[in-house]
Protein backbone atom coordinates (compact mmCIF):
# COMPACT_ATOMS: atom_id res chain seq x y z
CA MET A 1 -10.33 -0.63 16.69
CA SER A 2 -8.66 -3.85 16.37
CA LYS A 3 -10.18 -4.33 12.63
CA LEU A 4 -8.79 -0.76 11.79
CA ILE A 5 -5.37 -1.79 12.81
CA LYS A 6 -5.43 -4.89 11.28
CA THR A 7 -6.47 -3.16 8.10
CA ILE A 8 -3.96 -0.35 7.91
CA ALA A 9 -1.12 -2.22 9.27
CA PRO A 10 -0.05 -3.81 5.66
CA LEU A 11 -0.46 -0.32 4.34
CA ILE A 12 1.67 1.30 6.87
CA ASN A 13 4.33 -1.37 6.18
CA GLY A 14 3.93 -0.92 2.25
CA VAL A 15 4.57 2.74 2.48
CA ILE A 16 7.67 2.24 4.53
CA ALA A 17 8.82 -0.36 2.35
CA ILE A 18 8.61 1.98 -0.71
CA ASN A 19 10.09 4.86 1.08
CA LEU A 20 12.96 3.00 2.34
CA ILE A 21 13.58 1.67 -1.13
CA SER A 22 13.26 4.91 -2.86
CA PHE A 23 15.73 6.62 -0.29
CA ILE A 24 18.43 3.89 -0.84
CA LEU A 25 18.04 4.11 -4.77
CA ILE A 26 18.07 7.89 -4.56
CA SER A 27 21.42 8.03 -2.41
CA ILE A 28 22.95 5.54 -4.79
CA TYR A 29 22.13 7.57 -7.48
CA LEU A 30 23.18 10.99 -5.95
CA GLY A 31 26.29 9.49 -4.16
CA GLY A 32 25.27 9.49 -0.66
CA ASP A 33 22.99 11.29 1.69
CA ALA A 34 22.67 14.40 3.82
CA VAL A 35 22.62 12.35 7.02
CA ASN A 36 26.26 11.22 6.29
CA GLY A 37 26.80 14.94 4.52
CA LYS A 38 28.38 18.11 5.75
CA ILE A 39 28.15 21.53 4.84
CA ILE A 40 31.34 23.61 4.30
CA ALA A 41 31.24 27.24 3.63
CA GLU A 42 27.95 27.46 1.84
CA HIS A 43 28.90 24.20 -0.11
CA TYR A 44 26.78 21.14 0.52
CA PHE A 45 27.91 17.47 0.36
CA LEU A 46 26.09 14.27 0.43
CA GLY A 47 28.21 11.81 1.90
CA ASN A 48 28.75 8.10 1.33
CA GLY A 49 31.32 6.37 3.67
CA GLN A 50 34.35 8.24 3.00
CA HIS A 51 33.30 9.76 -0.22
CA TYR A 52 31.48 13.23 -0.55
CA THR A 53 29.35 14.58 -3.54
CA GLU A 54 28.73 18.32 -3.92
CA VAL A 55 25.10 19.24 -4.72
CA ASP A 56 23.30 22.47 -4.31
CA LYS A 57 21.27 23.28 -1.29
CA SER A 58 18.00 22.27 -2.17
CA MET A 59 18.96 18.56 -2.88
CA TYR A 60 20.78 18.76 0.43
CA ILE A 61 17.57 19.59 2.11
CA TYR A 62 15.52 17.21 0.39
CA SER A 63 18.10 14.52 1.47
CA GLN A 64 17.62 15.54 5.05
CA TYR A 65 13.64 15.72 4.90
CA HIS A 66 13.75 12.21 3.39
CA ALA A 67 15.71 10.92 6.03
CA VAL A 68 13.49 12.43 8.69
CA PHE A 69 10.39 10.87 7.08
CA ILE A 70 11.72 7.27 7.11
CA LEU A 71 12.27 7.90 10.76
CA LEU A 72 8.77 9.04 11.20
CA THR A 73 7.24 6.57 9.22
CA PHE A 74 9.08 3.98 11.14
CA LEU A 75 8.09 5.25 14.44
CA PHE A 76 4.52 5.42 13.55
CA ALA A 77 4.58 1.64 12.33
CA MET A 78 6.24 0.77 15.92
CA LEU A 79 3.39 2.81 17.35
CA VAL A 80 0.69 0.81 15.43
CA LYS A 81 2.35 -2.46 16.15
CA PHE A 82 2.18 -1.51 19.69
CA ILE A 83 -1.15 -0.65 20.09
CA GLY A 84 -1.99 -3.80 18.27
CA TYR A 85 -0.10 -5.83 20.91
CA LYS A 86 -1.81 -3.77 23.63
CA LEU A 87 -5.23 -4.99 22.13
CA ASN A 88 -4.08 -8.40 22.30
CA LEU A 89 -4.00 -8.87 18.24
CA THR A 90 -2.42 -12.20 17.95
CA GLU A 91 -0.73 -11.17 14.33
CA ILE A 92 -0.10 -8.11 12.65
CA SER A 93 1.44 -9.15 9.50
CA CYS A 94 2.50 -7.15 6.18
CA GLN A 95 0.73 -9.82 4.19
CA TYR A 96 -2.59 -9.64 2.69
CA ARG A 97 -5.08 -12.17 3.28
CA ALA A 98 -8.04 -13.39 1.32
């Protein structure tokens, strides 16, 4: 089990990093995200501070799902690290070793 955790931990960290970077870049491109956005009378807005950008419903829902997926992958990574800690693994790192 500990070998499995040591093997998948860098993969999980890589997926989380790629997902987070893509979310940030997409949010910048679209002008905000649904977490900070709002819905007013069937109009969907992505929020970025005090600035809101109107988008269609599908883009708003996509932004919501992407934010939830980031949270879930982060929680999964924390679970893997906790399991590694409980198995007394001395190091689970995001660096690949030769």
